[in-house]
Amino acid sequence: MLDEERYRSLTCDEYESAVGIGAYYTQTRGIGGLIKVLPEDFEVWEVLNGGLDARERFERWRPPPYPPVRNALLVVKKRDRETLRVAADLAKILGVRLRAVKTYGLKDRRAVAWQFVAVPARSVLDRVDVPIEVRGAQALVVGEAHSVETRELLYNAFRVLVREADPDQEVLENFVREVNSRGVPNFYGLQRFGVSRPITHLVGYHLVRGDLEAAARAFVGLHTPHEQEHVIEFRRSFLESGDWSWAAMNAPKSLVYERALLRHLASNPGDFAGAFRRLPLRIRRLLVESYASYVFNRALTENLRDGVPLDEPLEGDLVARVDRFGRPERKLYEVSRWNIVEAARRVREGTMAILMPHPGHSVRLPQNERGKAILRALEQDGLRPSSFRLRDLPEAGSMGGYRAVTLRPLRISARAVKEDGVLVEMALPRGSFATVVLRELMKQRCALAYVGKRVH
C-alpha cells in the first residue's frame, strides 16, 4: 500500500525505491558522478522517420520553400524548461488551443533539447521565415507535418557529460560491452514521476481508486524535503488547514497546474472532477499512467530480485518483433513449449523483445511470474486492471500497453574527458529513459545525483 507519510520525509537514497526502482542489473563498478549540473551537460534531440534530425534541422535552418498547408512542422530548441510548459506558451503565442500543439514526446526539463512540434498551418503562415520566440525556447518552421503520430519518432539521441566521476577507461569499456550484450532493465525513470517531488503516481493511484478528493489533496499538498522552502511551507500549511479557498489565494505563482485546480475548487466547492478537468487532458492521463509506470517498475524490480531472467523468454511470456530502431510491433505472440527455442534465438539476436504490461483495463497479462508480479503489485494497493476505467474521470482512464523488459541502446559510447569527466553518447528507442542507462553506469546511492545535486 502506498504511504503518503513516507514522501514527506523522503531521503535522497529513497527516491528510486519510492518509484518502484530497486535493483541494478550490470556487474561493472559504478563510476559515481553527477549529471545535469548545467542544462548544457545533458543534450537530447529527436530523429523522426526518414532520418529527420531535430538538432541538425535547427542548426542548419532555412525557411521552407513552400508554406505548410494543413499542419506545420516546427523544430524547437528549449533550455531548462518542461516540454508541456513550452507547448502551452507556444499555443498562447500562436492563438491556438493547447491540444492543437502536438509533440512527438516529452523531453527532460534540466537539459538542452531539440524536438519537433506540429501545429495548425494557419497559425504560422505569417511566421514561416522568422523565429518564434518562447520563454526559454525558440521555434522554427521547417515544413509540412505529414503525420502527428508518436510512431513517427524513430529514436532519441543523447550527449551527456558526467561530472566528478571516476573516468577509468577499462570500466567504461566493460560497461559498454555489457550493455550492448544484455541491455539494462527498462524502468520508467525518475522524471516520469517528478524529480524533486516524485508524487505523480500517488495522485494517479487516488484517481484510479476513485478518490478524487484525496488525489486533489495530494496534488496540491504532498511535499518532499527537496522542494523550495516556500513551496514546502505552502503545501504543509494547506494540508494542516484543508482550506481550498486559502490555498487558491496563497499558492505560489510557480505552481501553475495547482493554481488552475484550486481556482476551480474555490468557485465550485466539492467539484473535484471539474477541478481536474481544468488541467490539460495530457496531464490528467500522465497522472494515471504514472501510477501504471510505478506498478511496472515494482513488478520488474520483483522479477530482478527473484532471479526471473530478463534476457531469456519464459513459457507464457508475451513477445513481439522489433524493428531496427528497437520499436516493438503491435502484434503479440505468446511463448509456449513449442516455440520457446525460436523465441529465445530471436530475443538474443535483437529481432524480438520480451514484453511486460504497464497495466490498464484492456491489457493481456503473461501467464507466468511476470504477469503475477503485476497482479501482486496492484492487489497490494487494493486495485485490479479494471480499476483503470475511472468512472468519474473516464477520459483519463488507461487501456494499458506493453513495454520491453530490457532496454538496449541503438548505439552507445563512453569516454573519459578532462580529469574527472565522462562523456556518454547514445541513441535510445522511443519511450526509454537515458537516466535508466546512466544509473547503471554511475550507481549512485542518492538519485538526486541524476539532477546535478551533490551527495553529502
Protein backbone atom coordinates (compact mmCIF):
# COMPACT_ATOMS: atom_id res chain seq x y z
CA MET A 1 0.00 0.00 0.00
CA LEU A 2 1.31 3.46 -0.90
CA ASP A 3 2.18 5.51 2.18
CA GLU A 4 1.98 9.29 1.71
CA GLU A 5 3.72 9.97 5.03
CA ARG A 6 6.87 8.37 3.67
CA TYR A 7 7.19 11.02 0.95
CA ARG A 8 7.17 13.94 3.38
CA SER A 9 10.44 12.75 4.93
CA LEU A 10 11.95 11.18 1.81
CA THR A 11 15.75 10.93 1.95
CA CYS A 12 17.75 11.13 -1.26
CA ASP A 13 18.69 7.43 -1.15
CA GLU A 14 14.97 6.50 -1.04
CA TYR A 15 13.93 8.31 -4.22
CA GLU A 16 14.33 5.34 -6.54
CA SER A 17 12.59 2.85 -4.26
CA ALA A 18 9.76 5.38 -3.87
CA VAL A 19 9.01 5.00 -7.60
CA GLY A 20 9.48 1.22 -7.67
CA ILE A 21 13.13 1.01 -8.79
CA GLY A 22 15.14 -1.23 -6.52
CA ALA A 23 17.89 -3.19 -8.26
CA TYR A 24 20.90 -2.98 -10.58
CA TYR A 25 21.49 -5.36 -13.47
CA THR A 26 25.02 -4.70 -14.70
CA GLN A 27 28.09 -6.04 -12.91
CA THR A 28 30.57 -3.24 -13.66
CA ARG A 29 31.72 -0.97 -10.86
CA GLY A 30 29.88 2.36 -10.67
CA ILE A 31 31.78 5.50 -11.69
CA GLY A 32 29.79 7.87 -9.42
CA GLY A 33 29.49 11.48 -10.52
CA LEU A 34 26.74 13.98 -11.30
CA ILE A 35 24.71 14.75 -14.40
CA LYS A 36 22.70 17.88 -15.23
CA VAL A 37 24.83 20.21 -13.12
CA LEU A 38 24.18 22.59 -16.01
CA PRO A 39 21.41 22.13 -18.59
CA GLU A 40 24.16 22.03 -21.25
CA ASP A 41 25.54 18.86 -19.62
CA PHE A 42 22.52 16.93 -20.92
CA GLU A 43 21.67 17.29 -24.61
CA VAL A 44 18.85 15.35 -26.25
CA TRP A 45 17.31 15.53 -29.69
CA GLU A 46 14.71 13.67 -31.74
CA VAL A 47 15.12 11.81 -35.01
CA LEU A 48 11.91 11.15 -36.96
CA ASN A 49 11.09 8.67 -39.71
CA GLY A 50 13.20 9.33 -42.77
CA GLY A 51 16.15 10.41 -40.60
CA LEU A 52 14.82 13.92 -39.90
CA ASP A 53 17.23 15.11 -37.20
CA ALA A 54 15.88 17.88 -34.93
CA ARG A 55 19.27 19.24 -33.91
CA GLU A 56 20.60 19.31 -37.45
CA ARG A 57 17.44 20.95 -38.80
CA PHE A 58 17.59 23.65 -36.13
CA GLU A 59 21.29 24.41 -36.56
CA ARG A 60 21.06 24.46 -40.38
CA TRP A 61 17.64 26.05 -40.60
CA ARG A 62 16.38 27.72 -43.72
CA PRO A 63 12.76 28.81 -44.25
CA PRO A 64 10.78 26.17 -46.18
CA PRO A 65 10.39 26.87 -49.93
CA TYR A 66 6.61 26.46 -49.69
CA PRO A 67 4.29 27.34 -46.79
CA PRO A 68 2.68 24.42 -44.93
CA VAL A 69 -0.90 23.61 -45.91
CA ARG A 70 -2.56 21.61 -43.13
CA ASN A 71 -0.13 21.01 -40.26
CA ALA A 72 3.15 22.86 -39.87
CA LEU A 73 6.21 21.05 -38.57
CA LEU A 74 8.28 23.16 -36.17
CA VAL A 75 11.63 22.37 -34.64
CA VAL A 76 12.00 23.72 -31.11
CA LYS A 77 15.16 24.22 -29.09
CA LYS A 78 14.46 24.56 -25.38
CA ARG A 79 16.70 25.05 -22.37
CA ASP A 80 15.78 24.17 -18.78
CA ARG A 81 12.03 24.09 -19.43
CA GLU A 82 9.38 21.39 -19.46
CA THR A 83 8.03 20.36 -22.85
CA LEU A 84 4.40 20.91 -21.83
CA ARG A 85 5.12 24.40 -20.47
CA VAL A 86 6.81 25.34 -23.75
CA ALA A 87 3.86 23.87 -25.68
CA ALA A 88 1.41 25.92 -23.58
CA ASP A 89 3.37 29.13 -24.22
CA LEU A 90 3.58 28.34 -27.93
CA ALA A 91 -0.18 27.75 -28.08
CA LYS A 92 -0.79 31.16 -26.48
CA ILE A 93 1.58 32.93 -28.89
CA LEU A 94 0.02 31.26 -31.95
CA GLY A 95 -3.56 31.72 -30.76
CA VAL A 96 -4.48 28.02 -30.77
CA ARG A 97 -5.66 25.62 -28.09
CA LEU A 98 -3.05 23.58 -26.26
CA ARG A 99 -4.42 20.32 -27.66
CA ALA A 100 -3.66 21.63 -31.17
CA VAL A 101 0.07 21.65 -30.33
CA LYS A 102 1.25 18.09 -30.95
CA THR A 103 4.59 16.81 -29.66
CA TYR A 104 6.25 13.52 -30.52
CA GLY A 105 7.49 13.01 -26.97
CA LEU A 106 8.39 14.74 -23.70
CA LYS A 107 11.98 15.79 -23.12
CA ASP A 108 13.93 16.32 -19.89
CA ARG A 109 13.47 19.73 -18.29
CA ARG A 110 17.02 20.08 -16.95
CA ALA A 111 18.56 19.82 -20.41
CA VAL A 112 19.08 21.44 -23.77
CA ALA A 113 16.64 19.68 -26.08
CA TRP A 114 15.75 19.85 -29.75
CA GLN A 115 12.36 18.42 -30.65
CA PHE A 116 9.66 18.57 -33.30
CA VAL A 117 6.20 20.05 -32.76
CA ALA A 118 3.21 20.09 -35.11
CA VAL A 119 0.69 22.96 -35.10
CA PRO A 120 -2.14 24.05 -37.43
CA ALA A 121 -0.57 25.58 -40.55
CA ARG A 122 -2.82 28.65 -40.44
CA SER A 123 -1.31 29.66 -37.09
CA VAL A 124 2.20 30.17 -38.53
CA LEU A 125 1.57 31.48 -42.06
CA ASP A 126 2.97 34.89 -41.06
CA ARG A 127 5.94 33.34 -39.23
CA VAL A 128 7.30 30.89 -41.81
CA ASP A 129 10.56 32.79 -42.32
CA VAL A 130 11.15 34.18 -38.81
CA PRO A 131 11.99 32.51 -35.47
CA ILE A 132 9.16 32.23 -32.95
CA GLU A 133 10.48 33.30 -29.55
CA VAL A 134 9.16 31.46 -26.49
CA ARG A 135 10.43 31.84 -22.93
CA GLY A 136 13.42 29.52 -22.65
CA ALA A 137 12.91 28.26 -26.20
CA GLN A 138 12.88 29.13 -29.88
CA ALA A 139 10.74 27.54 -32.61
CA LEU A 140 11.38 27.46 -36.37
CA VAL A 141 9.01 26.37 -39.14
CA VAL A 142 10.64 23.62 -41.22
CA GLY A 143 7.78 22.47 -43.48
CA GLU A 144 4.67 20.31 -43.61
CA ALA A 145 3.96 17.79 -40.83
CA HIS A 146 2.73 14.79 -42.80
CA SER A 147 1.89 12.83 -39.64
CA VAL A 148 1.43 13.81 -36.00
CA GLU A 149 1.53 10.25 -34.65
CA THR A 150 4.10 9.44 -31.96
CA ARG A 151 5.20 6.44 -34.05
CA GLU A 152 6.87 8.98 -36.34
CA LEU A 153 9.61 9.25 -33.70
CA LEU A 154 12.44 6.84 -34.58
CA TYR A 155 14.69 7.42 -31.60
CA ASN A 156 16.20 10.00 -29.25
CA ALA A 157 19.90 10.86 -29.36
CA PHE A 158 21.78 11.91 -26.21
CA ARG A 159 25.08 13.55 -25.37
CA VAL A 160 25.65 13.60 -21.60
CA LEU A 161 28.55 14.86 -19.50
CA VAL A 162 29.02 13.06 -16.18
CA ARG A 163 30.99 15.35 -13.85
CA GLU A 164 33.06 14.39 -10.79
CA ALA A 165 33.19 10.76 -11.94
CA ASP A 166 35.87 8.07 -11.93
CA PRO A 167 36.93 8.09 -15.60
CA ASP A 168 38.50 4.61 -15.63
CA GLN A 169 38.55 3.70 -19.34
CA GLU A 170 38.57 -0.04 -18.65
CA VAL A 171 35.41 0.26 -16.54
CA LEU A 172 33.77 2.34 -19.27
CA GLU A 173 34.63 -0.19 -21.97
CA ASN A 174 33.37 -3.09 -19.85
CA PHE A 175 30.12 -1.24 -19.20
CA VAL A 176 29.51 -0.52 -22.88
CA ARG A 177 30.26 -4.14 -23.74
CA GLU A 178 27.87 -5.44 -21.08
CA VAL A 179 25.05 -3.08 -22.03
CA ASN A 180 25.39 -3.93 -25.72
CA SER A 181 25.23 -7.62 -24.82
CA ARG A 182 22.45 -7.72 -22.19
CA GLY A 183 20.82 -4.30 -22.09
CA VAL A 184 19.53 -2.77 -18.84
CA PRO A 185 16.15 -3.08 -17.08
CA ASN A 186 13.72 -0.84 -18.93
CA PHE A 187 12.45 1.03 -15.88
CA TYR A 188 10.47 4.22 -16.13
CA GLY A 189 12.94 6.87 -14.98
CA LEU A 190 12.57 9.21 -12.04
CA GLN A 191 11.49 12.13 -14.24
CA ARG A 192 8.32 10.19 -15.10
CA PHE A 193 7.18 10.82 -11.52
CA GLY A 194 8.67 14.25 -10.80
CA VAL A 195 12.33 14.68 -9.94
CA SER A 196 12.47 16.72 -6.73
CA ARG A 197 8.85 15.76 -5.92
CA PRO A 198 8.17 12.22 -7.19
CA ILE A 199 4.45 12.03 -6.37
CA THR A 200 2.57 11.89 -9.69
CA HIS A 201 2.00 8.15 -9.23
CA LEU A 202 0.43 8.82 -5.82
CA VAL A 203 -2.03 11.25 -7.39
CA GLY A 204 -2.68 8.71 -10.13
CA TYR A 205 -3.25 5.98 -7.53
CA HIS A 206 -6.02 8.02 -5.90
CA LEU A 207 -7.57 8.73 -9.30
CA VAL A 208 -7.55 5.04 -10.21
CA ARG A 209 -9.19 4.04 -6.94
CA GLY A 210 -11.84 6.73 -7.45
CA ASP A 211 -10.99 9.10 -4.58
CA LEU A 212 -10.70 12.40 -6.46
CA GLU A 213 -10.62 14.48 -3.28
CA ALA A 214 -7.59 12.56 -2.00
CA ALA A 215 -6.00 12.93 -5.44
CA ALA A 216 -6.51 16.71 -5.37
CA ARG A 217 -5.18 16.95 -1.81
CA ALA A 218 -2.04 15.01 -2.79
CA PHE A 219 -1.60 17.03 -5.99
CA VAL A 220 -1.63 20.32 -4.08
CA GLY A 221 -0.31 19.43 -0.65
CA LEU A 222 2.03 16.48 -0.78
CA HIS A 223 5.61 17.69 -0.39
CA THR A 224 9.10 16.27 -0.20
CA PRO A 225 12.15 17.72 1.59
CA HIS A 226 13.90 18.69 -1.65
CA GLU A 227 11.47 21.32 -2.93
CA GLN A 228 11.96 25.04 -2.40
CA GLU A 229 11.31 26.06 1.19
CA HIS A 230 8.45 28.49 0.46
CA VAL A 231 6.70 25.82 -1.63
CA ILE A 232 7.08 23.25 1.16
CA GLU A 233 5.65 25.75 3.65
CA PHE A 234 2.63 26.41 1.41
CA ARG A 235 1.93 22.71 0.90
CA ARG A 236 2.35 21.97 4.61
CA SER A 237 0.00 24.80 5.61
CA PHE A 238 -2.61 23.60 3.15
CA LEU A 239 -2.51 20.03 4.45
CA GLU A 240 -2.88 21.27 8.02
CA SER A 241 -5.84 23.54 7.23
CA GLY A 242 -7.50 21.69 4.34
CA ASP A 243 -8.77 25.10 3.20
CA TRP A 244 -9.11 25.08 -0.59
CA SER A 245 -10.03 28.78 -0.78
CA TRP A 246 -6.99 29.79 1.28
CA ALA A 247 -4.81 27.63 -0.96
CA ALA A 248 -6.25 29.24 -4.10
CA MET A 249 -5.28 32.70 -2.79
CA ASN A 250 -1.84 31.75 -1.48
CA ALA A 251 -0.43 29.19 -3.94
CA PRO A 252 2.99 30.30 -5.29
CA LYS A 253 2.83 31.51 -8.89
CA SER A 254 5.24 28.77 -9.98
CA LEU A 255 2.58 26.13 -9.22
CA VAL A 256 0.69 26.70 -12.47
CA TYR A 257 -1.33 23.48 -12.55
CA GLU A 258 -2.10 23.51 -8.82
CA ARG A 259 -3.41 27.07 -9.14
CA ALA A 260 -5.69 26.09 -12.03
CA LEU A 261 -7.18 23.25 -9.97
CA LEU A 262 -7.52 25.41 -6.86
CA ARG A 263 -9.25 28.29 -8.64
CA HIS A 264 -11.96 25.90 -9.79
CA LEU A 265 -12.45 24.46 -6.30
CA ALA A 266 -12.63 27.93 -4.76
CA SER A 267 -15.54 28.74 -7.10
CA ASN A 268 -17.04 25.24 -7.18
CA PRO A 269 -16.53 23.60 -3.77
CA GLY A 270 -16.51 19.83 -3.90
CA ASP A 271 -16.35 19.55 -7.71
CA PHE A 272 -13.12 17.58 -7.83
CA ALA A 273 -13.81 16.06 -11.25
CA GLY A 274 -14.31 19.56 -12.66
CA ALA A 275 -11.14 20.72 -10.91
CA PHE A 276 -9.04 18.01 -12.56
CA ARG A 277 -10.62 18.91 -15.89
CA ARG A 278 -9.02 22.34 -15.53
CA LEU A 279 -5.73 20.56 -16.20
CA PRO A 280 -4.76 19.68 -19.78
CA LEU A 281 -6.01 16.22 -20.77
CA ARG A 282 -2.43 15.12 -21.30
CA ILE A 283 -1.61 15.94 -17.67
CA ARG A 284 -4.65 14.00 -16.41
CA ARG A 285 -3.61 10.98 -18.43
CA LEU A 286 0.01 11.31 -17.35
CA LEU A 287 -1.04 11.13 -13.70
CA VAL A 288 -2.87 7.85 -14.29
CA GLU A 289 -0.09 6.49 -16.48
CA SER A 290 2.46 7.42 -13.80
CA TYR A 291 0.74 5.04 -11.42
CA ALA A 292 0.79 2.32 -14.10
CA SER A 293 4.52 3.05 -14.60
CA TYR A 294 5.09 2.66 -10.86
CA VAL A 295 3.38 -0.74 -10.91
CA PHE A 296 5.53 -1.77 -13.89
CA ASN A 297 8.70 -0.71 -12.03
CA ARG A 298 7.68 -2.62 -8.89
CA ALA A 299 6.98 -5.77 -10.88
CA LEU A 300 10.26 -5.51 -12.80
CA THR A 301 12.19 -4.98 -9.55
CA GLU A 302 10.49 -8.04 -8.03
CA ASN A 303 11.44 -10.13 -11.07
CA LEU A 304 15.07 -8.99 -10.80
CA ARG A 305 15.27 -9.83 -7.11
CA ASP A 306 13.63 -13.21 -7.64
CA GLY A 307 16.03 -14.15 -10.42
CA VAL A 308 13.45 -14.10 -13.23
CA PRO A 309 15.58 -13.70 -16.39
CA LEU A 310 15.14 -10.52 -18.41
CA ASP A 311 17.04 -11.72 -21.48
CA GLU A 312 15.52 -15.21 -21.82
CA PRO A 313 11.83 -15.81 -22.59
CA LEU A 314 9.72 -18.00 -20.31
CA GLU A 315 6.68 -20.06 -21.22
CA GLY A 316 3.68 -17.74 -21.08
CA ASP A 317 5.70 -14.63 -21.98
CA LEU A 318 4.42 -12.12 -24.50
CA VAL A 319 6.93 -11.21 -27.21
CA ALA A 320 6.85 -9.01 -30.29
CA ARG A 321 9.06 -8.41 -33.28
CA VAL A 322 11.10 -5.20 -33.10
CA ASP A 323 12.36 -3.08 -35.97
CA ARG A 324 15.97 -1.96 -36.30
CA PHE A 325 15.20 1.06 -34.12
CA GLY A 326 14.05 -1.09 -31.20
CA ARG A 327 10.33 -0.36 -31.66
CA PRO A 328 8.06 -3.35 -30.90
CA GLU A 329 5.36 -4.19 -33.42
CA ARG A 330 1.78 -4.26 -32.19
CA LYS A 331 1.17 -7.95 -32.85
CA LEU A 332 1.92 -10.07 -29.77
CA TYR A 333 3.00 -13.70 -29.67
CA GLU A 334 2.71 -15.99 -26.66
CA VAL A 335 5.72 -18.14 -25.85
CA SER A 336 4.91 -21.83 -25.48
CA ARG A 337 6.87 -25.06 -25.17
CA TRP A 338 6.60 -25.36 -28.95
CA ASN A 339 8.19 -22.03 -29.89
CA ILE A 340 10.38 -21.12 -26.90
CA VAL A 341 13.66 -22.12 -28.59
CA GLU A 342 12.90 -19.97 -31.63
CA ALA A 343 11.72 -17.09 -29.43
CA ALA A 344 14.93 -17.27 -27.37
CA ARG A 345 17.05 -17.18 -30.53
CA ARG A 346 15.24 -14.09 -31.82
CA VAL A 347 15.49 -12.31 -28.47
CA ARG A 348 19.27 -12.94 -28.43
CA GLU A 349 19.53 -11.60 -31.99
CA GLY A 350 17.58 -8.49 -31.05
CA THR A 351 14.79 -9.09 -33.57
CA MET A 352 12.24 -9.83 -30.84
CA ALA A 353 11.63 -8.35 -27.39
CA ILE A 354 10.09 -9.77 -24.23
CA LEU A 355 7.23 -7.51 -23.16
CA MET A 356 5.54 -6.85 -19.85
CA PRO A 357 2.32 -4.84 -19.49
CA HIS A 358 2.09 -1.46 -17.90
CA PRO A 359 -1.38 -2.06 -16.52
CA GLY A 360 -4.70 -0.81 -17.82
CA HIS A 361 -8.22 -2.11 -18.22
CA SER A 362 -7.58 -3.93 -21.52
CA VAL A 363 -4.09 -5.43 -21.23
CA ARG A 364 -3.28 -9.08 -21.60
CA LEU A 365 -1.19 -10.41 -18.71
CA PRO A 366 1.52 -13.05 -19.22
CA GLN A 367 0.58 -16.33 -17.57
CA ASN A 368 3.82 -16.60 -15.61
CA GLU A 369 5.87 -14.78 -12.97
CA ARG A 370 5.91 -11.53 -14.95
CA GLY A 371 2.12 -11.35 -15.05
CA LYS A 372 1.81 -12.47 -11.42
CA ALA A 373 4.17 -9.68 -10.32
CA ILE A 374 1.92 -7.08 -11.98
CA LEU A 375 -1.18 -8.51 -10.30
CA ARG A 376 0.53 -8.68 -6.90
CA ALA A 377 1.57 -5.02 -7.13
CA LEU A 378 -2.00 -3.98 -7.96
CA GLU A 379 -3.56 -6.21 -5.30
CA GLN A 380 -1.25 -4.78 -2.63
CA ASP A 381 -2.78 -1.39 -3.46
CA GLY A 382 -6.31 -2.81 -3.42
CA LEU A 383 -6.74 -2.48 -7.19
CA ARG A 384 -7.17 -4.61 -10.31
CA PRO A 385 -6.69 -3.95 -14.06
CA SER A 386 -10.36 -2.98 -14.48
CA SER A 387 -9.84 -0.13 -11.97
CA PHE A 388 -8.18 1.89 -14.75
CA ARG A 389 -11.57 2.65 -16.33
CA LEU A 390 -12.01 5.65 -13.95
CA ARG A 391 -15.76 6.00 -13.51
CA ASP A 392 -15.63 9.70 -12.50
CA LEU A 393 -12.92 10.78 -14.95
CA PRO A 394 -13.25 8.30 -17.84
CA GLU A 395 -11.31 10.40 -20.37
CA ALA A 396 -8.19 9.93 -18.21
CA GLY A 397 -8.61 6.15 -17.99
CA SER A 398 -5.99 3.87 -19.45
CA MET A 399 -6.27 0.79 -21.63
CA GLY A 400 -2.67 -0.02 -20.73
CA GLY A 401 0.08 -1.15 -23.05
CA TYR A 402 3.25 -3.19 -23.35
CA ARG A 403 6.89 -2.36 -22.73
CA ALA A 404 10.09 -4.28 -23.38
CA VAL A 405 11.59 -5.56 -20.13
CA THR A 406 15.11 -4.64 -21.24
CA LEU A 407 16.48 -1.53 -22.90
CA ARG A 408 19.21 -1.99 -25.47
CA PRO A 409 20.76 1.22 -26.79
CA LEU A 410 20.84 1.52 -30.57
CA ARG A 411 24.36 2.80 -30.04
CA ILE A 412 26.39 3.84 -27.01
CA SER A 413 29.90 5.06 -26.24
CA ALA A 414 31.58 6.36 -23.10
CA ARG A 415 34.98 8.01 -22.82
CA ALA A 416 36.96 9.98 -20.30
CA VAL A 417 37.20 13.75 -20.77
CA LYS A 418 39.41 16.04 -18.66
CA GLU A 419 40.34 14.82 -15.18
CA ASP A 420 37.03 13.70 -13.73
CA GLY A 421 34.54 13.78 -16.59
CA VAL A 422 32.93 11.07 -18.69
CA LEU A 423 31.14 11.81 -21.96
CA VAL A 424 28.34 9.37 -22.81
CA GLU A 425 26.77 9.41 -26.27
CA MET A 426 23.87 7.12 -27.10
CA ALA A 427 20.73 6.65 -29.13
CA LEU A 428 17.72 5.06 -27.43
CA PRO A 429 14.39 3.71 -28.68
CA ARG A 430 11.33 5.90 -28.28
CA GLY A 431 9.84 5.87 -24.78
CA SER A 432 13.01 4.85 -22.93
CA PHE A 433 14.94 6.92 -20.39
CA ALA A 434 18.61 7.87 -20.64
CA THR A 435 18.81 8.10 -16.85
CA VAL A 436 17.97 4.39 -16.64
CA VAL A 437 21.18 3.64 -18.56
CA LEU A 438 23.17 6.26 -16.65
CA ARG A 439 22.10 4.94 -13.23
CA GLU A 440 23.62 1.57 -14.16
CA LEU A 441 26.85 3.33 -15.16
CA MET A 442 27.03 5.67 -12.16
CA LYS A 443 25.41 3.50 -9.44
CA GLN A 444 24.93 6.49 -7.16
CA ARG A 445 23.38 5.94 -3.74
CA CYS A 446 21.45 9.20 -3.99
CA ALA A 447 19.22 9.60 -7.04
CA LEU A 448 19.49 13.40 -6.80
CA ALA A 449 22.93 13.00 -8.41
CA TYR A 450 20.95 12.44 -11.62
CA VAL A 451 19.70 16.04 -11.43
CA GLY A 452 23.03 17.66 -10.59
CA LYS A 453 22.76 17.73 -6.80
CA ARG A 454 25.81 16.68 -4.82
CA VAL A 455 25.58 13.82 -2.34
CA HIS A 456 26.70 14.78 1.17
